[in-house]
Amino acid sequence: MELRQLYYFVKVAKKEHVTKAAEELHVAQSAVSRQIHQLEEELGAKLFLQKGRNLQLTPVGSLFLKRAEVILADLERSVVEIQEFLDPEKGEIRLGFPHSLGISLIPEVVAAFRKLNPNVKFRFKQGMYPSLIQDVMKGEVDLAFVSPCPVSHPHVTGEIVLTEELFAILPPTHPLANEEAIDLHQLRDEMFVLFSEGYSLRPIVWEACKEAGFTPRIGFEGEETDTIRGLVAAGMGVSLLPEMALYASGPLKPAKVRVKSPNVTRTIGLIYRSNEKLPLVAKAFQTYLLDFFECDRFKKRLL
C-alpha cells in the first residue's frame, strides 16, 4: 500500500467524483482510477459504489476513510515536527475558528504574533461548533476557538479565554435604537433574525429570550454574521450579537444597544487534542494567546 493511494482515496471520498479529485490533484483521471482500483484489490473490498454521476463510499470505505485521514494527519504532523526541530522559529500553525471571530479578533492576534515570529505561517479553517470539534479531533487543526468550551470531552480539552457580552442590534430607525440599555423583554413583539440550526449563538439568543419571558418569532435565518447584521440594518428584524461581530464597514449598520436584563454572554474556549502534545510552534502560539487575553489592554476593550 502506498501513501499516494491514500491521498487519492481521501480526495475521491471528499469530492465523491474521480474527475473532480483528479483535477484538484493535478493528475490524470486514469491515474486516480488505477490507484483506487489497486487499493481495492489489496484490501479485498469495494470502497466506492456508483451513484448517478457521483461515487458513494461503501460501509468498508467509510471505515477506511477514518483510518486513512488519521494516518495522513499523523504524517503531516511528523513533517511539521521535523521542520520545527530543524528551525524552531519556523513552522505552520493550523487554527480553526467561527466566522464571528474572523472579523477582527483573529486578524489582530495573528498579526501581533507574527510581528514577534515573522517566519511562522498560518493555515486557517472556519466552521461551526461541531465541525471545529471534529477538525481538532482529526488533527486537521492544532488549535481552535469554539463557543462554548466543551466540558469533559473524551478527545478534546481546553480553557475558557474570553467571556463576551451580547448586544441587541436594531434597525437604525427602531424606536429603541437610541437607548443606552434595554430589557430584552422590550423586544418580545419583534421579528428576530437568528443564526441557522447548528450555530452556537442561536441557542444563546433563544435561551435569553425564554429567560426574558417570551419565545422569539423568527423572521429570517442566516449562516454568517454579515448576513445577520445586514438584515437587521435593513429593517428586517432584531437580533443579539457579540461586540466583536459588530466591527464592520459599509453603508448598512445596525444600532447597538446594551441588554441590561437578562445578562447575555457567550464564553469562548481555546481547544486542542487531549491525548497528545501540541507542535512546538502551536504551543508557543497557545501561550501567547493566553497572555494576550489576560492583558489589561484587551480587557478594557470589552468593558
C-alpha atoms as a PDB file:
ATOM      1  CA  MET A   1       0.000   0.000   0.000  1.00  0.00           C
ATOM      2  CA  GLU A   2       1.373   3.408  -0.997  1.00  0.00           C
ATOM      3  CA  LEU A   3       0.812   6.820   0.549  1.00  0.00           C
ATOM      4  CA  ARG A   4      -0.221   8.091  -2.871  1.00  0.00           C
ATOM      5  CA  GLN A   5      -3.110   5.631  -2.848  1.00  0.00           C
ATOM      6  CA  LEU A   6      -4.288   7.008   0.497  1.00  0.00           C
ATOM      7  CA  TYR A   7      -4.066  10.610  -0.750  1.00  0.00           C
ATOM      8  CA  TYR A   8      -6.048   9.741  -3.876  1.00  0.00           C
ATOM      9  CA  PHE A   9      -8.617   7.734  -1.936  1.00  0.00           C
ATOM     10  CA  VAL A  10      -9.269  10.520   0.587  1.00  0.00           C
ATOM     11  CA  LYS A  11      -9.567  13.109  -2.167  1.00  0.00           C
ATOM     12  CA  VAL A  12     -12.061  10.989  -4.148  1.00  0.00           C
ATOM     13  CA  ALA A  13     -14.042  10.316  -0.957  1.00  0.00           C
ATOM     14  CA  LYS A  14     -14.276  14.065  -0.256  1.00  0.00           C
ATOM     15  CA  LYS A  15     -15.150  15.031  -3.828  1.00  0.00           C
ATOM     16  CA  GLU A  16     -17.348  11.973  -4.483  1.00  0.00           C
ATOM     17  CA  HIS A  17     -16.088  12.139  -8.047  1.00  0.00           C
ATOM     18  CA  VAL A  18     -12.924  10.819  -9.733  1.00  0.00           C
ATOM     19  CA  THR A  19     -12.691  13.602 -12.315  1.00  0.00           C
ATOM     20  CA  LYS A  20     -13.029  16.385  -9.727  1.00  0.00           C
ATOM     21  CA  ALA A  21     -10.475  14.676  -7.494  1.00  0.00           C
ATOM     22  CA  ALA A  22      -8.042  14.307 -10.395  1.00  0.00           C
ATOM     23  CA  GLU A  23      -8.404  17.997 -11.291  1.00  0.00           C
ATOM     24  CA  GLU A  24      -7.597  19.063  -7.742  1.00  0.00           C
ATOM     25  CA  LEU A  25      -4.681  16.627  -7.554  1.00  0.00           C
ATOM     26  CA  HIS A  26      -3.418  17.814 -10.976  1.00  0.00           C
ATOM     27  CA  VAL A  27      -3.111  14.270 -12.302  1.00  0.00           C
ATOM     28  CA  ALA A  28      -4.868  12.264 -14.996  1.00  0.00           C
ATOM     29  CA  GLN A  29      -8.242  10.742 -14.181  1.00  0.00           C
ATOM     30  CA  SER A  30      -6.949   7.345 -15.279  1.00  0.00           C
ATOM     31  CA  ALA A  31      -4.131   7.563 -12.724  1.00  0.00           C
ATOM     32  CA  VAL A  32      -6.595   8.161  -9.893  1.00  0.00           C
ATOM     33  CA  SER A  33      -8.897   5.358 -11.053  1.00  0.00           C
ATOM     34  CA  ARG A  34      -5.948   2.967 -11.319  1.00  0.00           C
ATOM     35  CA  GLN A  35      -4.704   3.734  -7.807  1.00  0.00           C
ATOM     36  CA  ILE A  36      -8.180   3.320  -6.304  1.00  0.00           C
ATOM     37  CA  HIS A  37      -8.592   0.001  -8.138  1.00  0.00           C
ATOM     38  CA  GLN A  38      -5.215  -1.249  -6.865  1.00  0.00           C
ATOM     39  CA  LEU A  39      -6.128  -0.181  -3.328  1.00  0.00           C
ATOM     40  CA  GLU A  40      -9.427  -2.086  -3.503  1.00  0.00           C
ATOM     41  CA  GLU A  41      -7.622  -5.170  -4.785  1.00  0.00           C
ATOM     42  CA  GLU A  42      -5.113  -5.027  -1.960  1.00  0.00           C
ATOM     43  CA  LEU A  43      -7.849  -4.603   0.644  1.00  0.00           C
ATOM     44  CA  GLY A  44     -10.080  -7.191  -0.967  1.00  0.00           C
ATOM     45  CA  ALA A  45     -13.125  -4.938  -0.707  1.00  0.00           C
ATOM     46  CA  LYS A  46     -15.012  -2.306  -2.696  1.00  0.00           C
ATOM     47  CA  LEU A  47     -14.513   1.199  -1.345  1.00  0.00           C
ATOM     48  CA  PHE A  48     -16.947   3.042  -3.639  1.00  0.00           C
ATOM     49  CA  LEU A  49     -20.284   2.460  -5.331  1.00  0.00           C
ATOM     50  CA  GLN A  50     -21.550   4.382  -8.347  1.00  0.00           C
ATOM     51  CA  LYS A  51     -24.487   6.654  -7.509  1.00  0.00           C
ATOM     52  CA  GLY A  52     -25.594   8.545 -10.576  1.00  0.00           C
ATOM     53  CA  ARG A  53     -22.641  10.612 -11.724  1.00  0.00           C
ATOM     54  CA  ASN A  54     -21.034  10.536  -8.289  1.00  0.00           C
ATOM     55  CA  LEU A  55     -19.351   7.927  -6.125  1.00  0.00           C
ATOM     56  CA  GLN A  56     -20.574   6.876  -2.705  1.00  0.00           C
ATOM     57  CA  LEU A  57     -18.475   5.241  -0.006  1.00  0.00           C
ATOM     58  CA  THR A  58     -19.379   1.692   0.927  1.00  0.00           C
ATOM     59  CA  PRO A  59     -19.534   0.831   4.651  1.00  0.00           C
ATOM     60  CA  VAL A  60     -15.982  -0.528   4.328  1.00  0.00           C
ATOM     61  CA  GLY A  61     -14.973   2.667   2.525  1.00  0.00           C
ATOM     62  CA  SER A  62     -16.368   4.831   5.313  1.00  0.00           C
ATOM     63  CA  LEU A  63     -14.429   2.843   7.907  1.00  0.00           C
ATOM     64  CA  PHE A  64     -11.230   3.007   5.873  1.00  0.00           C
ATOM     65  CA  LEU A  65     -11.631   6.770   5.337  1.00  0.00           C
ATOM     66  CA  LYS A  66     -11.496   7.410   9.082  1.00  0.00           C
ATOM     67  CA  ARG A  67      -8.251   5.439   9.376  1.00  0.00           C
ATOM     68  CA  ALA A  68      -6.706   6.966   6.258  1.00  0.00           C
ATOM     69  CA  GLU A  69      -7.372  10.511   7.498  1.00  0.00           C
ATOM     70  CA  VAL A  70      -5.689   9.718  10.816  1.00  0.00           C
ATOM     71  CA  ILE A  71      -2.649   8.238   9.047  1.00  0.00           C
ATOM     72  CA  LEU A  72      -2.234  11.240   6.748  1.00  0.00           C
ATOM     73  CA  ALA A  73      -2.764  13.707   9.597  1.00  0.00           C
ATOM     74  CA  ASP A  74      -0.101  11.925  11.669  1.00  0.00           C
ATOM     75  CA  LEU A  75       2.278  12.034   8.727  1.00  0.00           C
ATOM     76  CA  GLU A  76       1.667  15.757   8.228  1.00  0.00           C
ATOM     77  CA  ARG A  77       2.287  16.444  11.910  1.00  0.00           C
ATOM     78  CA  SER A  78       5.526  14.439  11.742  1.00  0.00           C
ATOM     79  CA  VAL A  79       6.764  16.575   8.861  1.00  0.00           C
ATOM     80  CA  VAL A  80       5.907  19.741  10.824  1.00  0.00           C
ATOM     81  CA  GLU A  81       7.717  18.442  13.901  1.00  0.00           C
ATOM     82  CA  ILE A  82      10.856  17.728  11.879  1.00  0.00           C
ATOM     83  CA  GLN A  83      10.751  21.199  10.331  1.00  0.00           C
ATOM     84  CA  GLU A  84      10.345  22.746  13.775  1.00  0.00           C
ATOM     85  CA  PHE A  85      13.239  20.680  15.126  1.00  0.00           C
ATOM     86  CA  LEU A  86      15.483  21.940  12.332  1.00  0.00           C
ATOM     87  CA  ASP A  87      14.305  25.545  12.808  1.00  0.00           C
ATOM     88  CA  PRO A  88      12.120  26.211  15.900  1.00  0.00           C
ATOM     89  CA  GLU A  89      11.265  29.737  14.725  1.00  0.00           C
ATOM     90  CA  LYS A  90       9.629  28.415  11.571  1.00  0.00           C
ATOM     91  CA  GLY A  91       6.602  26.221  11.206  1.00  0.00           C
ATOM     92  CA  GLU A  92       2.907  26.311  10.458  1.00  0.00           C
ATOM     93  CA  ILE A  93       0.029  26.842  12.867  1.00  0.00           C
ATOM     94  CA  ARG A  94      -3.304  25.376  11.861  1.00  0.00           C
ATOM     95  CA  LEU A  95      -6.071  27.361  13.521  1.00  0.00           C
ATOM     96  CA  GLY A  96      -9.840  26.886  13.468  1.00  0.00           C
ATOM     97  CA  PHE A  97     -12.404  29.481  14.466  1.00  0.00           C
ATOM     98  CA  PRO A  98     -16.050  30.522  13.949  1.00  0.00           C
ATOM     99  CA  HIS A  99     -16.876  33.230  11.432  1.00  0.00           C
ATOM    100  CA  SER A 100     -17.714  35.824  14.087  1.00  0.00           C
ATOM    101  CA  LEU A 101     -14.101  35.835  15.333  1.00  0.00           C
ATOM    102  CA  GLY A 102     -12.669  36.255  11.858  1.00  0.00           C
ATOM    103  CA  ILE A 103     -13.869  39.840  11.505  1.00  0.00           C
ATOM    104  CA  SER A 104     -11.401  41.443  13.895  1.00  0.00           C
ATOM    105  CA  LEU A 105     -10.016  39.164  16.627  1.00  0.00           C
ATOM    106  CA  ILE A 106      -8.189  36.574  14.522  1.00  0.00           C
ATOM    107  CA  PRO A 107      -6.504  39.137  12.238  1.00  0.00           C
ATOM    108  CA  GLU A 108      -5.430  41.122  15.301  1.00  0.00           C
ATOM    109  CA  VAL A 109      -3.849  38.265  17.267  1.00  0.00           C
ATOM    110  CA  VAL A 110      -2.231  36.679  14.219  1.00  0.00           C
ATOM    111  CA  ALA A 111      -0.695  39.975  13.093  1.00  0.00           C
ATOM    112  CA  ALA A 112       0.617  40.645  16.600  1.00  0.00           C
ATOM    113  CA  PHE A 113       2.106  37.158  16.899  1.00  0.00           C
ATOM    114  CA  ARG A 114       3.786  37.367  13.504  1.00  0.00           C
ATOM    115  CA  LYS A 115       5.483  40.613  14.466  1.00  0.00           C
ATOM    116  CA  LEU A 116       7.345  38.541  17.047  1.00  0.00           C
ATOM    117  CA  ASN A 117       7.606  35.430  14.847  1.00  0.00           C
ATOM    118  CA  PRO A 118       7.741  36.605  11.213  1.00  0.00           C
ATOM    119  CA  ASN A 119       8.663  33.197   9.774  1.00  0.00           C
ATOM    120  CA  VAL A 120       5.631  31.364  11.184  1.00  0.00           C
ATOM    121  CA  LYS A 121       2.896  30.507   8.704  1.00  0.00           C
ATOM    122  CA  PHE A 122      -0.814  30.069   9.417  1.00  0.00           C
ATOM    123  CA  ARG A 123      -3.422  27.849   7.873  1.00  0.00           C
ATOM    124  CA  PHE A 124      -6.994  28.800   8.794  1.00  0.00           C
ATOM    125  CA  LYS A 125     -10.215  26.840   8.837  1.00  0.00           C
ATOM    126  CA  GLN A 126     -13.599  28.354   9.662  1.00  0.00           C
ATOM    127  CA  GLY A 127     -16.609  26.340  10.730  1.00  0.00           C
ATOM    128  CA  MET A 128     -19.463  25.721  13.110  1.00  0.00           C
ATOM    129  CA  TYR A 129     -19.028  24.249  16.577  1.00  0.00           C
ATOM    130  CA  PRO A 130     -19.442  20.537  15.636  1.00  0.00           C
ATOM    131  CA  SER A 131     -17.123  20.766  12.622  1.00  0.00           C
ATOM    132  CA  LEU A 132     -14.430  22.594  14.604  1.00  0.00           C
ATOM    133  CA  ILE A 133     -14.503  19.893  17.278  1.00  0.00           C
ATOM    134  CA  GLN A 134     -14.100  17.262  14.545  1.00  0.00           C
ATOM    135  CA  ASP A 135     -11.270  19.209  12.913  1.00  0.00           C
ATOM    136  CA  VAL A 136      -9.351  19.194  16.194  1.00  0.00           C
ATOM    137  CA  MET A 137     -10.030  15.502  16.826  1.00  0.00           C
ATOM    138  CA  LYS A 138      -8.910  14.508  13.313  1.00  0.00           C
ATOM    139  CA  GLY A 139      -5.767  16.597  13.537  1.00  0.00           C
ATOM    140  CA  GLU A 140      -6.797  18.939  10.727  1.00  0.00           C
ATOM    141  CA  VAL A 141      -6.173  21.911  13.037  1.00  0.00           C
ATOM    142  CA  ASP A 142      -3.907  22.198  16.078  1.00  0.00           C
ATOM    143  CA  LEU A 143      -5.926  24.801  17.960  1.00  0.00           C
ATOM    144  CA  ALA A 144      -9.474  26.061  17.606  1.00  0.00           C
ATOM    145  CA  PHE A 145     -11.608  28.767  19.139  1.00  0.00           C
ATOM    146  CA  VAL A 146     -15.080  27.430  19.938  1.00  0.00           C
ATOM    147  CA  SER A 147     -18.120  28.653  21.798  1.00  0.00           C
ATOM    148  CA  PRO A 148     -18.911  27.236  24.281  1.00  0.00           C
ATOM    149  CA  CYS A 149     -15.793  25.453  25.530  1.00  0.00           C
ATOM    150  CA  PRO A 150     -16.552  21.701  25.754  1.00  0.00           C
ATOM    151  CA  VAL A 151     -16.630  20.142  29.205  1.00  0.00           C
ATOM    152  CA  SER A 152     -15.426  16.576  29.848  1.00  0.00           C
ATOM    153  CA  HIS A 153     -14.915  15.735  26.181  1.00  0.00           C
ATOM    154  CA  PRO A 154     -13.095  12.390  25.691  1.00  0.00           C
ATOM    155  CA  HIS A 155     -10.729  13.655  22.981  1.00  0.00           C
ATOM    156  CA  VAL A 156     -10.610  17.449  23.261  1.00  0.00           C
ATOM    157  CA  THR A 157      -9.577  19.734  26.081  1.00  0.00           C
ATOM    158  CA  GLY A 158      -9.078  23.461  26.524  1.00  0.00           C
ATOM    159  CA  GLU A 159      -9.740  26.521  28.600  1.00  0.00           C
ATOM    160  CA  ILE A 160     -12.112  29.469  28.504  1.00  0.00           C
ATOM    161  CA  VAL A 161     -10.170  32.501  27.300  1.00  0.00           C
ATOM    162  CA  LEU A 162     -12.939  35.049  26.933  1.00  0.00           C
ATOM    163  CA  THR A 163     -16.432  35.876  28.161  1.00  0.00           C
ATOM    164  CA  GLU A 164     -18.117  38.289  25.784  1.00  0.00           C
ATOM    165  CA  GLU A 165     -21.263  40.361  26.209  1.00  0.00           C
ATOM    166  CA  LEU A 166     -24.021  40.137  23.585  1.00  0.00           C
ATOM    167  CA  PHE A 167     -25.728  43.347  22.479  1.00  0.00           C
ATOM    168  CA  ALA A 168     -29.157  43.890  20.991  1.00  0.00           C
ATOM    169  CA  ILE A 169     -28.859  45.065  17.404  1.00  0.00           C
ATOM    170  CA  LEU A 170     -31.760  47.034  15.945  1.00  0.00           C
ATOM    171  CA  PRO A 171     -32.605  48.830  12.706  1.00  0.00           C
ATOM    172  CA  PRO A 172     -31.309  52.423  12.910  1.00  0.00           C
ATOM    173  CA  THR A 173     -34.910  53.731  12.765  1.00  0.00           C
ATOM    174  CA  HIS A 174     -36.158  51.479  15.586  1.00  0.00           C
ATOM    175  CA  PRO A 175     -37.809  53.376  18.494  1.00  0.00           C
ATOM    176  CA  LEU A 176     -35.273  51.867  20.918  1.00  0.00           C
ATOM    177  CA  ALA A 177     -32.214  52.455  18.725  1.00  0.00           C
ATOM    178  CA  ASN A 178     -31.015  55.462  20.709  1.00  0.00           C
ATOM    179  CA  GLU A 179     -31.471  53.922  24.156  1.00  0.00           C
ATOM    180  CA  GLU A 180     -28.358  53.295  26.231  1.00  0.00           C
ATOM    181  CA  ALA A 181     -29.715  49.980  27.533  1.00  0.00           C
ATOM    182  CA  ILE A 182     -32.929  47.970  27.296  1.00  0.00           C
ATOM    183  CA  ASP A 183     -34.577  44.945  28.835  1.00  0.00           C
ATOM    184  CA  LEU A 184     -34.725  42.074  26.360  1.00  0.00           C
ATOM    185  CA  HIS A 185     -38.438  41.748  27.155  1.00  0.00           C
ATOM    186  CA  GLN A 186     -38.950  45.027  25.288  1.00  0.00           C
ATOM    187  CA  LEU A 187     -38.254  43.136  22.045  1.00  0.00           C
ATOM    188  CA  ARG A 188     -40.876  40.445  22.674  1.00  0.00           C
ATOM    189  CA  ASP A 189     -43.090  41.581  19.783  1.00  0.00           C
ATOM    190  CA  GLU A 190     -40.259  41.940  17.268  1.00  0.00           C
ATOM    191  CA  MET A 191     -39.266  39.599  14.462  1.00  0.00           C
ATOM    192  CA  PHE A 192     -35.841  38.075  15.129  1.00  0.00           C
ATOM    193  CA  VAL A 193     -33.047  37.404  12.684  1.00  0.00           C
ATOM    194  CA  LEU A 194     -31.171  34.345  14.011  1.00  0.00           C
ATOM    195  CA  PHE A 195     -28.379  32.048  13.001  1.00  0.00           C
ATOM    196  CA  SER A 196     -29.422  28.735  11.470  1.00  0.00           C
ATOM    197  CA  GLU A 197     -29.528  25.498  13.466  1.00  0.00           C
ATOM    198  CA  GLY A 198     -26.062  24.296  14.436  1.00  0.00           C
ATOM    199  CA  TYR A 199     -24.576  27.708  15.170  1.00  0.00           C
ATOM    200  CA  SER A 200     -23.690  28.239  18.836  1.00  0.00           C
ATOM    201  CA  LEU A 201     -25.110  31.775  19.048  1.00  0.00           C
ATOM    202  CA  ARG A 202     -28.620  30.599  18.192  1.00  0.00           C
ATOM    203  CA  PRO A 203     -29.323  28.690  21.461  1.00  0.00           C
ATOM    204  CA  ILE A 204     -27.763  31.534  23.481  1.00  0.00           C
ATOM    205  CA  VAL A 205     -30.220  34.035  21.995  1.00  0.00           C
ATOM    206  CA  TRP A 206     -33.109  31.569  22.265  1.00  0.00           C
ATOM    207  CA  GLU A 207     -32.473  30.861  25.954  1.00  0.00           C
ATOM    208  CA  ALA A 208     -32.037  34.559  26.738  1.00  0.00           C
ATOM    209  CA  CYS A 209     -35.437  35.309  25.207  1.00  0.00           C
ATOM    210  CA  LYS A 210     -37.042  32.489  27.192  1.00  0.00           C
ATOM    211  CA  GLU A 211     -35.443  33.872  30.365  1.00  0.00           C
ATOM    212  CA  ALA A 212     -36.940  37.248  29.457  1.00  0.00           C
ATOM    213  CA  GLY A 213     -40.373  35.613  29.315  1.00  0.00           C
ATOM    214  CA  PHE A 214     -41.040  35.067  25.604  1.00  0.00           C
ATOM    215  CA  THR A 215     -40.257  32.838  22.651  1.00  0.00           C
ATOM    216  CA  PRO A 216     -38.635  34.723  19.771  1.00  0.00           C
ATOM    217  CA  ARG A 217     -40.502  34.882  16.479  1.00  0.00           C
ATOM    218  CA  ILE A 218     -38.057  34.025  13.708  1.00  0.00           C
ATOM    219  CA  GLY A 219     -38.386  36.067  10.554  1.00  0.00           C
ATOM    220  CA  PHE A 220     -35.077  35.248   8.896  1.00  0.00           C
ATOM    221  CA  GLU A 221     -32.200  32.849   9.421  1.00  0.00           C
ATOM    222  CA  GLY A 222     -28.618  33.209   8.230  1.00  0.00           C
ATOM    223  CA  GLU A 223     -25.255  31.479   8.324  1.00  0.00           C
ATOM    224  CA  GLU A 224     -22.867  34.427   8.529  1.00  0.00           C
ATOM    225  CA  THR A 225     -22.507  37.360  10.873  1.00  0.00           C
ATOM    226  CA  ASP A 226     -22.501  39.773   7.930  1.00  0.00           C
ATOM    227  CA  THR A 227     -25.900  38.438   6.840  1.00  0.00           C
ATOM    228  CA  ILE A 228     -27.455  38.802  10.300  1.00  0.00           C
ATOM    229  CA  ARG A 229     -26.061  42.289  10.737  1.00  0.00           C
ATOM    230  CA  GLY A 230     -27.091  43.395   7.238  1.00  0.00           C
ATOM    231  CA  LEU A 231     -30.658  42.105   7.519  1.00  0.00           C
ATOM    232  CA  VAL A 232     -31.159  43.892  10.831  1.00  0.00           C
ATOM    233  CA  ALA A 233     -29.683  47.115   9.458  1.00  0.00           C
ATOM    234  CA  ALA A 234     -32.086  46.852   6.512  1.00  0.00           C
ATOM    235  CA  GLY A 235     -35.061  46.721   8.880  1.00  0.00           C
ATOM    236  CA  MET A 236     -35.843  43.003   8.624  1.00  0.00           C
ATOM    237  CA  GLY A 237     -35.867  42.387  12.374  1.00  0.00           C
ATOM    238  CA  VAL A 238     -33.733  42.464  15.504  1.00  0.00           C
ATOM    239  CA  SER A 239     -31.076  40.169  16.925  1.00  0.00           C
ATOM    240  CA  LEU A 240     -28.313  39.732  19.501  1.00  0.00           C
ATOM    241  CA  LEU A 241     -24.650  39.666  18.535  1.00  0.00           C
ATOM    242  CA  PRO A 242     -21.339  39.817  20.410  1.00  0.00           C
ATOM    243  CA  GLU A 243     -19.465  43.083  20.076  1.00  0.00           C
ATOM    244  CA  MET A 244     -16.621  41.528  18.092  1.00  0.00           C
ATOM    245  CA  ALA A 245     -19.147  40.587  15.404  1.00  0.00           C
ATOM    246  CA  LEU A 246     -20.152  44.228  15.013  1.00  0.00           C
ATOM    247  CA  TYR A 247     -16.828  45.542  13.733  1.00  0.00           C
ATOM    248  CA  ALA A 248     -17.606  46.171  10.079  1.00  0.00           C
ATOM    249  CA  SER A 249     -17.565  48.878   7.483  1.00  0.00           C
ATOM    250  CA  GLY A 250     -20.221  49.551   4.886  1.00  0.00           C
ATOM    251  CA  PRO A 251     -23.388  51.562   4.404  1.00  0.00           C
ATOM    252  CA  LEU A 252     -25.692  49.221   6.358  1.00  0.00           C
ATOM    253  CA  LYS A 253     -25.015  49.355  10.088  1.00  0.00           C
ATOM    254  CA  PRO A 254     -27.493  48.341  12.809  1.00  0.00           C
ATOM    255  CA  ALA A 255     -27.882  50.220  16.067  1.00  0.00           C
ATOM    256  CA  LYS A 256     -26.125  48.592  19.036  1.00  0.00           C
ATOM    257  CA  VAL A 257     -27.861  48.693  22.422  1.00  0.00           C
ATOM    258  CA  ARG A 258     -26.739  47.076  25.691  1.00  0.00           C
ATOM    259  CA  VAL A 259     -29.102  44.491  27.213  1.00  0.00           C
ATOM    260  CA  LYS A 260     -29.399  45.097  30.955  1.00  0.00           C
ATOM    261  CA  SER A 261     -31.748  42.195  31.689  1.00  0.00           C
ATOM    262  CA  PRO A 262     -31.074  39.351  31.404  1.00  0.00           C
ATOM    263  CA  ASN A 263     -27.278  39.481  31.207  1.00  0.00           C
ATOM    264  CA  VAL A 264     -26.470  37.736  27.919  1.00  0.00           C
ATOM    265  CA  THR A 265     -22.930  36.472  27.350  1.00  0.00           C
ATOM    266  CA  ARG A 266     -21.056  33.792  25.486  1.00  0.00           C
ATOM    267  CA  THR A 267     -17.852  32.048  26.505  1.00  0.00           C
ATOM    268  CA  ILE A 268     -15.101  31.316  24.010  1.00  0.00           C
ATOM    269  CA  GLY A 269     -12.661  28.489  24.582  1.00  0.00           C
ATOM    270  CA  LEU A 270      -9.328  27.598  23.019  1.00  0.00           C
ATOM    271  CA  ILE A 271      -9.229  23.837  22.468  1.00  0.00           C
ATOM    272  CA  TYR A 272      -6.742  21.198  21.340  1.00  0.00           C
ATOM    273  CA  ARG A 273      -6.393  17.421  21.344  1.00  0.00           C
ATOM    274  CA  SER A 274      -6.198  15.999  24.849  1.00  0.00           C
ATOM    275  CA  ASN A 275      -4.186  12.873  24.003  1.00  0.00           C
ATOM    276  CA  GLU A 276      -1.052  14.428  22.509  1.00  0.00           C
ATOM    277  CA  LYS A 277       1.351  17.332  22.775  1.00  0.00           C
ATOM    278  CA  LEU A 278       0.931  20.398  20.612  1.00  0.00           C
ATOM    279  CA  PRO A 279       3.609  21.072  17.974  1.00  0.00           C
ATOM    280  CA  LEU A 280       6.231  23.477  19.328  1.00  0.00           C
ATOM    281  CA  VAL A 281       5.087  26.427  17.246  1.00  0.00           C
ATOM    282  CA  ALA A 282       1.412  25.825  18.112  1.00  0.00           C
ATOM    283  CA  LYS A 283       2.338  25.580  21.804  1.00  0.00           C
ATOM    284  CA  ALA A 284       4.109  28.928  21.536  1.00  0.00           C
ATOM    285  CA  PHE A 285       1.019  30.453  19.936  1.00  0.00           C
ATOM    286  CA  GLN A 286      -1.229  28.977  22.636  1.00  0.00           C
ATOM    287  CA  THR A 287       0.942  30.551  25.346  1.00  0.00           C
ATOM    288  CA  TYR A 288       0.866  33.865  23.502  1.00  0.00           C
ATOM    289  CA  LEU A 289      -2.952  33.752  23.226  1.00  0.00           C
ATOM    290  CA  LEU A 290      -3.439  33.051  26.934  1.00  0.00           C
ATOM    291  CA  ASP A 291      -1.242  36.040  27.768  1.00  0.00           C
ATOM    292  CA  PHE A 292      -2.999  38.171  25.159  1.00  0.00           C
ATOM    293  CA  PHE A 293      -6.468  37.634  26.638  1.00  0.00           C
ATOM    294  CA  GLU A 294      -5.185  38.340  30.126  1.00  0.00           C
ATOM    295  CA  CYS A 295      -3.592  41.666  29.237  1.00  0.00           C
ATOM    296  CA  ASP A 296      -5.238  44.834  30.531  1.00  0.00           C
ATOM    297  CA  ARG A 297      -5.378  46.420  27.066  1.00  0.00           C
ATOM    298  CA  PHE A 298      -7.596  43.667  25.732  1.00  0.00           C
ATOM    299  CA  LYS A 299      -9.807  43.507  28.830  1.00  0.00           C
ATOM    300  CA  LYS A 300     -10.505  47.251  28.628  1.00  0.00           C
ATOM    301  CA  ARG A 301     -11.888  46.797  25.120  1.00  0.00           C
ATOM    302  CA  LEU A 302     -14.611  44.538  26.489  1.00  0.00           C
ATOM    303  CA  LEU A 303     -15.790  46.955  29.177  1.00  0.00           C
END
